[in-house]
Amino acid sequence: MSVPSDPWVPDVLGPGFRARTVPLGPGSAPHATATVVRYRPEDRRGAPRALRGAVLYLHGWSDYFFNAELARTCAAAGYGFYALDLHGYGRNLTDEVLADGAGSPGHTTDLADYDDDIAAALGLVAEDGLPGRGGRLVLMGHSAGGLTAALWAAHHPGRLAGLALNAPWIGSHGSDAVGAALRPLLARLARRRPERAVRVRLRSHYYRVISERAEGEWPIDPRWRPETSFDITPGWLNAVLQAQREVSAGLNLQVPVLVQTSARSCLRPWWSERMRSADTVLDVQQIRRHAADLGPDVTLRSYEGAVHDVHLSRGPVRRAAQRDLVTWLRGLEGPGGSQADTPGPATRSTAPP
């Protein structure tokens, strides 16, 4: 009798990381798979210790999961770590899919389209026995993934013990008036030609700062995380603006929320050395302004010298962000996810560079 093969296969991130691709329903077509990456430390001396719960990570737009250091940080804090490459992103963009050219990577007309991806990922987490009896389930999201995570938490009350957001795209650039002005036009375009690509890709110089192929330190696959961005579609941009509008109306999340951002933004088309230590993608003032719209228990941390993805910043900065994340994770208590610290409005602290 043959032994069934393990559906988890070795991942590109190396030892301790395995990946599993799962089919989704027809609503995600033509990109009809999601991929979950699981991290388990290779070195298991003695009996494995009990885990506090599980973390599920959602990447941003034009992105995928590659931060092995973040996975190890969460594992060291006592959490099983899982990351989800959403359909139309990352590990799902195989050579065959890219060669076929069907559908725009990253395109959606509603961020709720990713509910099936998240459900599939949480199903695999449950197969592993997590978060376990009395354990905590934490959803973590970066940028557009942070916006998706926040809405999922609001639409699925009672499922999470906490929500950790890294530069979440919860506000429009510049001011809320920008989003308000664009929404009617984009809604019309999204109804008529939602998938028609606008042949303009965003260039923030962010790739230059983070990729080891440029001047950064992170090994990034350019097929899965391009130097500029995926093609913009009216349907996708309208979905983002509608989701931001829902946030601004107040999500009233009844779980602790951690929001981490850079201390400042540098949003300009030309290169500046300041871009090595600032968010060059999103307006951090807007993020901080809308953090209080998430719920009554929001902890806000900002970091001098951080880039757009705080956890990809220079070593001293990201280690400060990791310490804050671990402290927050360990402060989650009980099935309700209450924090050890007194809940209250968003607060700001600045970590040294």
Protein backbone atom coordinates (compact mmCIF):
# COMPACT_ATOMS: atom_id res chain seq x y z
CA MET A 1 0.00 0.00 0.00
CA SER A 2 1.53 3.29 -1.09
CA VAL A 3 1.84 6.17 1.34
CA PRO A 4 -0.02 9.31 0.16
CA SER A 5 2.33 12.07 -0.90
CA ASP A 6 2.57 15.16 1.29
CA PRO A 7 0.61 18.01 -0.39
CA TRP A 8 3.04 20.47 1.25
CA VAL A 9 6.12 20.85 -0.95
CA PRO A 10 9.47 22.55 -0.25
CA ASP A 11 9.21 26.29 -0.79
CA VAL A 12 11.62 28.70 -2.47
CA LEU A 13 12.34 30.29 0.94
CA GLY A 14 14.35 27.25 1.98
CA PRO A 15 14.55 25.04 5.08
CA GLY A 16 11.53 25.16 7.33
CA PHE A 17 9.25 26.58 4.62
CA ARG A 18 6.75 24.50 2.68
CA ALA A 19 4.01 25.57 0.28
CA ARG A 20 0.64 24.18 -0.72
CA THR A 21 -1.42 25.36 -3.67
CA VAL A 22 -5.19 25.03 -3.37
CA PRO A 23 -7.89 25.37 -6.05
CA LEU A 24 -10.54 28.05 -5.63
CA GLY A 25 -14.06 28.45 -6.91
CA PRO A 26 -14.98 29.87 -10.33
CA GLY A 27 -15.29 33.37 -8.89
CA SER A 28 -11.51 33.75 -8.89
CA ALA A 29 -11.04 32.74 -12.56
CA PRO A 30 -8.94 32.98 -14.64
CA HIS A 31 -6.51 32.94 -11.71
CA ALA A 32 -8.05 30.04 -9.84
CA THR A 33 -5.49 29.00 -7.22
CA ALA A 34 -4.12 30.38 -3.98
CA THR A 35 -0.88 29.28 -2.33
CA VAL A 36 -0.23 28.97 1.38
CA VAL A 37 3.31 29.06 2.75
CA ARG A 38 3.89 27.43 6.14
CA TYR A 39 6.92 27.90 8.36
CA ARG A 40 8.00 25.30 10.87
CA PRO A 41 11.41 25.58 12.52
CA GLU A 42 13.65 22.74 11.37
CA ASP A 43 15.40 22.37 14.72
CA ARG A 44 13.02 20.64 17.12
CA ARG A 45 14.92 19.61 20.23
CA GLY A 46 12.78 17.45 22.50
CA ALA A 47 9.01 17.67 22.58
CA PRO A 48 7.54 20.57 20.61
CA ARG A 49 6.28 23.35 22.85
CA ALA A 50 2.64 24.34 22.80
CA LEU A 51 1.86 27.19 20.42
CA ARG A 52 0.01 30.32 21.48
CA GLY A 53 -1.93 30.32 18.20
CA ALA A 54 -1.45 31.04 14.52
CA VAL A 55 -0.66 34.04 12.32
CA LEU A 56 -1.89 34.30 8.73
CA TYR A 57 -0.12 36.94 6.61
CA LEU A 58 -1.54 38.76 3.55
CA HIS A 59 0.86 40.53 1.16
CA GLY A 60 0.28 43.81 -0.65
CA TRP A 61 -0.53 44.63 -4.26
CA SER A 62 1.99 43.59 -6.93
CA ASP A 63 3.64 41.53 -4.21
CA TYR A 64 4.00 38.12 -2.61
CA PHE A 65 5.36 36.64 0.62
CA PHE A 66 9.15 36.46 0.86
CA ASN A 67 10.05 37.75 4.34
CA ALA A 68 11.46 34.64 6.01
CA GLU A 69 12.70 36.76 8.90
CA LEU A 70 9.15 37.82 9.77
CA ALA A 71 8.04 34.18 9.81
CA ARG A 72 10.86 33.29 12.20
CA THR A 73 9.97 36.25 14.42
CA CYS A 74 6.36 35.10 14.78
CA ALA A 75 7.47 31.51 15.37
CA ALA A 76 9.86 32.65 18.11
CA ALA A 77 6.91 34.44 19.74
CA GLY A 78 5.10 31.09 19.93
CA TYR A 79 2.83 31.33 16.89
CA GLY A 80 2.46 28.99 13.96
CA PHE A 81 3.16 31.10 10.89
CA TYR A 82 1.31 30.93 7.56
CA ALA A 83 1.39 33.32 4.61
CA LEU A 84 -1.07 33.48 1.75
CA ASP A 85 -0.22 34.32 -1.85
CA LEU A 86 -3.64 35.40 -3.11
CA HIS A 87 -4.98 34.28 -6.47
CA GLY A 88 -3.42 36.26 -9.31
CA TYR A 89 -0.28 36.86 -7.26
CA GLY A 90 3.09 35.41 -6.42
CA ARG A 91 3.53 31.66 -6.42
CA ASN A 92 0.29 31.26 -8.38
CA LEU A 93 1.88 33.10 -11.32
CA THR A 94 3.66 30.04 -12.63
CA ASP A 95 5.54 30.15 -15.93
CA GLU A 96 2.53 28.49 -17.56
CA VAL A 97 0.10 31.06 -16.17
CA LEU A 98 2.32 33.96 -17.18
CA ALA A 99 2.82 32.50 -20.67
CA ASP A 100 -0.94 32.08 -21.10
CA GLY A 101 -1.49 35.78 -20.39
CA ALA A 102 -5.12 35.34 -19.35
CA GLY A 103 -6.39 37.92 -16.91
CA SER A 104 -4.51 40.77 -15.28
CA PRO A 105 -2.43 39.73 -12.25
CA GLY A 106 -3.72 41.44 -9.13
CA HIS A 107 -7.04 42.42 -10.72
CA THR A 108 -10.26 42.31 -8.73
CA THR A 109 -13.47 44.31 -8.60
CA ASP A 110 -14.15 43.63 -4.92
CA LEU A 111 -11.70 42.86 -2.12
CA ALA A 112 -14.24 40.35 -0.82
CA ASP A 113 -13.16 38.22 -3.81
CA TYR A 114 -10.28 37.12 -1.58
CA ASP A 115 -12.59 35.67 1.06
CA ASP A 116 -12.31 32.25 -0.60
CA ASP A 117 -8.51 32.47 -0.50
CA ILE A 118 -8.55 33.30 3.20
CA ALA A 119 -11.09 30.57 3.92
CA ALA A 120 -8.92 28.02 2.13
CA ALA A 121 -5.84 29.14 4.06
CA LEU A 122 -7.64 28.99 7.40
CA GLY A 123 -8.82 25.51 6.47
CA LEU A 124 -5.20 24.41 6.15
CA VAL A 125 -4.35 26.11 9.45
CA ALA A 126 -7.19 24.14 11.06
CA GLU A 127 -5.89 20.91 9.51
CA ASP A 128 -2.69 21.54 11.48
CA GLY A 129 -4.74 21.82 14.67
CA LEU A 130 -4.33 25.58 15.00
CA PRO A 131 -5.03 27.95 16.59
CA GLY A 132 -6.00 25.18 19.02
CA ARG A 133 -8.12 25.20 22.14
CA GLY A 134 -7.63 28.57 23.82
CA GLY A 135 -5.21 29.64 21.07
CA ARG A 136 -5.28 32.94 19.24
CA LEU A 137 -5.78 33.49 15.52
CA VAL A 138 -4.13 36.67 14.22
CA LEU A 139 -4.51 38.08 10.73
CA MET A 140 -1.59 40.18 9.54
CA GLY A 141 -1.63 42.33 6.41
CA HIS A 142 0.65 44.71 4.55
CA SER A 143 -0.46 47.67 2.36
CA ALA A 144 -3.39 46.52 0.17
CA GLY A 145 -3.28 43.25 2.09
CA GLY A 146 -3.78 45.27 5.25
CA LEU A 147 -6.90 46.85 3.78
CA THR A 148 -8.17 43.40 2.75
CA ALA A 149 -7.41 42.02 6.20
CA ALA A 150 -9.22 44.87 7.97
CA LEU A 151 -12.37 44.38 5.90
CA TRP A 152 -12.26 40.61 6.37
CA ALA A 153 -12.04 41.11 10.13
CA ALA A 154 -15.04 43.45 10.03
CA HIS A 155 -17.08 41.05 7.90
CA HIS A 156 -16.19 38.01 10.04
CA PRO A 157 -16.61 39.15 13.65
CA GLY A 158 -15.54 36.76 16.35
CA ARG A 159 -13.01 34.91 14.20
CA LEU A 160 -9.85 36.73 15.25
CA ALA A 161 -8.01 37.48 18.47
CA GLY A 162 -6.06 40.32 16.88
CA LEU A 163 -5.24 42.17 13.66
CA ALA A 164 -1.69 43.31 12.86
CA LEU A 165 -1.34 45.83 10.03
CA ASN A 166 1.90 46.97 8.42
CA ALA A 167 1.40 50.24 6.47
CA PRO A 168 -2.21 49.35 5.61
CA TRP A 169 -3.71 51.18 2.63
CA ILE A 170 -6.69 52.47 4.60
CA GLY A 171 -6.64 56.08 3.34
CA SER A 172 -6.31 57.89 0.01
CA HIS A 173 -3.17 59.77 -0.94
CA GLY A 174 -3.10 63.37 0.18
CA SER A 175 -6.59 63.66 1.62
CA ASP A 176 -9.97 61.97 1.72
CA ALA A 177 -11.14 64.51 -0.87
CA VAL A 178 -8.96 62.79 -3.48
CA GLY A 179 -10.78 59.50 -3.02
CA ALA A 180 -14.17 61.20 -2.90
CA ALA A 181 -13.48 62.96 -6.21
CA LEU A 182 -12.28 59.80 -7.94
CA ARG A 183 -14.97 57.40 -6.76
CA PRO A 184 -17.82 58.44 -9.15
CA LEU A 185 -15.55 58.38 -12.22
CA LEU A 186 -13.95 55.07 -11.31
CA ALA A 187 -17.32 53.51 -10.51
CA ARG A 188 -18.48 54.31 -14.05
CA LEU A 189 -15.28 52.98 -15.60
CA ALA A 190 -15.43 49.86 -13.44
CA ARG A 191 -18.96 49.11 -14.66
CA ARG A 192 -18.04 49.55 -18.33
CA ARG A 193 -14.54 48.10 -18.62
CA PRO A 194 -13.39 46.80 -15.24
CA GLU A 195 -10.48 44.72 -16.58
CA ARG A 196 -9.15 47.09 -19.21
CA ALA A 197 -5.57 47.74 -18.17
CA VAL A 198 -4.38 51.31 -17.92
CA ARG A 199 -0.92 51.08 -19.49
CA VAL A 200 0.66 53.09 -16.73
CA ARG A 201 2.55 51.29 -14.00
CA LEU A 202 3.41 52.86 -10.69
CA ARG A 203 7.07 53.55 -10.01
CA SER A 204 7.87 54.51 -6.44
CA HIS A 205 11.60 53.58 -6.38
CA TYR A 206 10.61 51.16 -3.64
CA TYR A 207 12.03 48.18 -5.56
CA ARG A 208 15.38 49.96 -5.73
CA VAL A 209 15.40 50.27 -1.94
CA ILE A 210 14.47 46.67 -1.06
CA SER A 211 15.63 44.33 -3.85
CA GLU A 212 19.10 42.79 -3.78
CA ARG A 213 19.00 43.05 -7.59
CA ALA A 214 19.14 46.82 -7.04
CA GLU A 215 20.40 48.47 -3.85
CA GLY A 216 18.47 46.54 -1.20
CA GLU A 217 19.09 43.31 0.70
CA TRP A 218 16.04 41.16 -0.03
CA PRO A 219 15.98 38.33 -2.61
CA ILE A 220 12.88 39.10 -4.68
CA ASP A 221 11.59 37.19 -7.69
CA PRO A 222 10.93 39.86 -10.38
CA ARG A 223 8.19 37.71 -11.95
CA TRP A 224 6.20 37.88 -8.72
CA ARG A 225 7.20 41.33 -7.47
CA PRO A 226 7.90 43.53 -10.54
CA GLU A 227 10.07 46.61 -10.43
CA THR A 228 7.14 48.93 -11.13
CA SER A 229 3.74 47.33 -10.53
CA PHE A 230 1.08 45.20 -12.14
CA ASP A 231 -1.11 46.93 -14.71
CA ILE A 232 -3.73 49.14 -13.09
CA THR A 233 -7.37 48.36 -13.90
CA PRO A 234 -10.42 50.54 -13.16
CA GLY A 235 -12.13 47.66 -11.41
CA TRP A 236 -9.20 47.15 -9.02
CA LEU A 237 -8.79 50.83 -8.17
CA ASN A 238 -12.52 51.22 -7.64
CA ALA A 239 -12.46 48.21 -5.29
CA VAL A 240 -9.71 49.85 -3.23
CA LEU A 241 -11.53 53.18 -2.98
CA GLN A 242 -14.80 51.52 -2.00
CA ALA A 243 -12.99 49.55 0.69
CA GLN A 244 -11.32 52.72 2.01
CA ARG A 245 -14.71 54.38 2.12
CA GLU A 246 -15.98 51.52 4.30
CA VAL A 247 -13.02 51.97 6.65
CA SER A 248 -13.58 55.72 6.93
CA ALA A 249 -17.20 55.05 7.96
CA GLY A 250 -15.82 53.07 10.91
CA LEU A 251 -15.25 49.31 11.13
CA ASN A 252 -15.68 49.09 14.92
CA LEU A 253 -13.42 46.03 15.17
CA GLN A 254 -13.78 44.44 18.60
CA VAL A 255 -10.26 43.02 18.70
CA PRO A 256 -6.88 44.61 19.42
CA VAL A 257 -5.30 46.14 16.31
CA LEU A 258 -1.62 46.92 15.81
CA VAL A 259 -0.73 49.45 13.08
CA GLN A 260 2.96 49.93 12.17
CA THR A 261 4.16 52.59 9.74
CA SER A 262 7.18 54.61 8.77
CA ALA A 263 7.51 57.96 10.53
CA ARG A 264 7.21 59.79 7.21
CA SER A 265 6.45 59.49 3.51
CA CYS A 266 8.44 60.62 0.48
CA LEU A 267 6.04 60.55 -2.46
CA ARG A 268 7.64 61.89 -5.63
CA PRO A 269 8.44 60.49 -9.11
CA TRP A 270 12.15 61.31 -9.03
CA TRP A 271 14.78 59.64 -6.87
CA SER A 272 15.79 61.10 -3.53
CA GLU A 273 18.16 59.65 -0.93
CA ARG A 274 15.36 60.22 1.60
CA MET A 275 13.54 57.32 -0.04
CA ARG A 276 15.87 54.90 1.71
CA SER A 277 14.24 55.78 5.03
CA ALA A 278 10.63 56.70 4.22
CA ASP A 279 7.42 55.24 2.85
CA THR A 280 7.57 55.93 -0.89
CA VAL A 281 4.25 54.22 -1.67
CA LEU A 282 1.59 55.43 0.78
CA ASP A 283 0.79 58.56 2.75
CA VAL A 284 1.54 57.60 6.36
CA GLN A 285 -0.33 60.64 7.69
CA GLN A 286 -3.50 59.27 6.09
CA ILE A 287 -2.84 55.85 7.59
CA ARG A 288 -2.43 57.33 11.03
CA ARG A 289 -5.51 59.52 10.54
CA HIS A 290 -7.69 56.53 9.71
CA ALA A 291 -6.21 54.11 12.23
CA ALA A 292 -8.83 55.19 14.77
CA ASP A 293 -11.55 54.22 12.26
CA LEU A 294 -10.57 50.57 12.68
CA GLY A 295 -11.89 50.17 16.21
CA PRO A 296 -11.63 51.21 19.87
CA ASP A 297 -8.41 49.28 20.65
CA VAL A 298 -5.71 50.41 18.22
CA THR A 299 -2.01 50.58 19.01
CA LEU A 300 -0.12 52.76 16.54
CA ARG A 301 3.65 52.58 16.19
CA SER A 302 5.78 54.60 13.76
CA TYR A 303 9.49 54.20 13.08
CA GLU A 304 12.15 56.67 12.04
CA GLY A 305 14.02 55.29 9.06
CA ALA A 306 11.38 52.75 8.05
CA VAL A 307 10.40 52.07 4.44
CA HIS A 308 6.93 51.21 3.12
CA ASP A 309 7.05 47.66 4.46
CA VAL A 310 8.31 48.38 7.95
CA HIS A 311 9.55 44.81 8.29
CA LEU A 312 11.81 45.21 5.23
CA SER A 313 13.58 48.27 6.65
CA ARG A 314 17.24 48.41 7.63
CA GLY A 315 18.25 45.99 10.38
CA PRO A 316 17.96 48.25 13.46
CA VAL A 317 14.60 49.63 12.33
CA ARG A 318 12.98 46.32 11.53
CA ARG A 319 14.29 44.77 14.74
CA ALA A 320 12.54 47.55 16.67
CA ALA A 321 9.35 46.80 14.69
CA GLN A 322 9.77 43.08 15.37
CA ARG A 323 10.11 43.72 19.11
CA ASP A 324 6.90 45.75 19.11
CA LEU A 325 5.11 43.03 17.12
CA VAL A 326 6.25 40.30 19.50
CA THR A 327 5.26 42.37 22.56
CA TRP A 328 1.82 42.94 21.04
CA LEU A 329 1.39 39.26 20.12
CA ARG A 330 2.33 38.13 23.60
CA GLY A 331 -0.07 40.68 25.06
CA LEU A 332 -3.07 38.98 23.46
CA GLU A 333 -4.94 37.07 26.13
CA GLY A 334 -7.82 34.64 26.07
CA PRO A 335 -10.28 33.77 23.31
CA GLY A 336 -11.56 37.35 23.23
CA GLY A 337 -8.13 38.66 22.37
CA SER A 338 -8.01 41.38 25.04
CA GLN A 339 -4.65 43.04 25.52
CA ALA A 340 -2.70 43.24 28.74
CA ASP A 341 -2.33 46.99 28.24
CA THR A 342 -5.32 49.23 28.80
CA PRO A 343 -7.29 49.62 25.53
CA GLY A 344 -7.64 53.11 24.21
CA PRO A 345 -7.31 55.35 21.18
CA ALA A 346 -4.46 55.13 18.70
CA THR A 347 -1.12 56.11 20.17
CA ARG A 348 2.16 57.02 18.52
CA SER A 349 5.66 56.04 19.44
CA THR A 350 8.85 56.43 17.47
CA ALA A 351 11.54 53.78 17.49
CA PRO A 352 15.16 54.82 16.95
CA PRO A 353 16.69 54.18 13.53
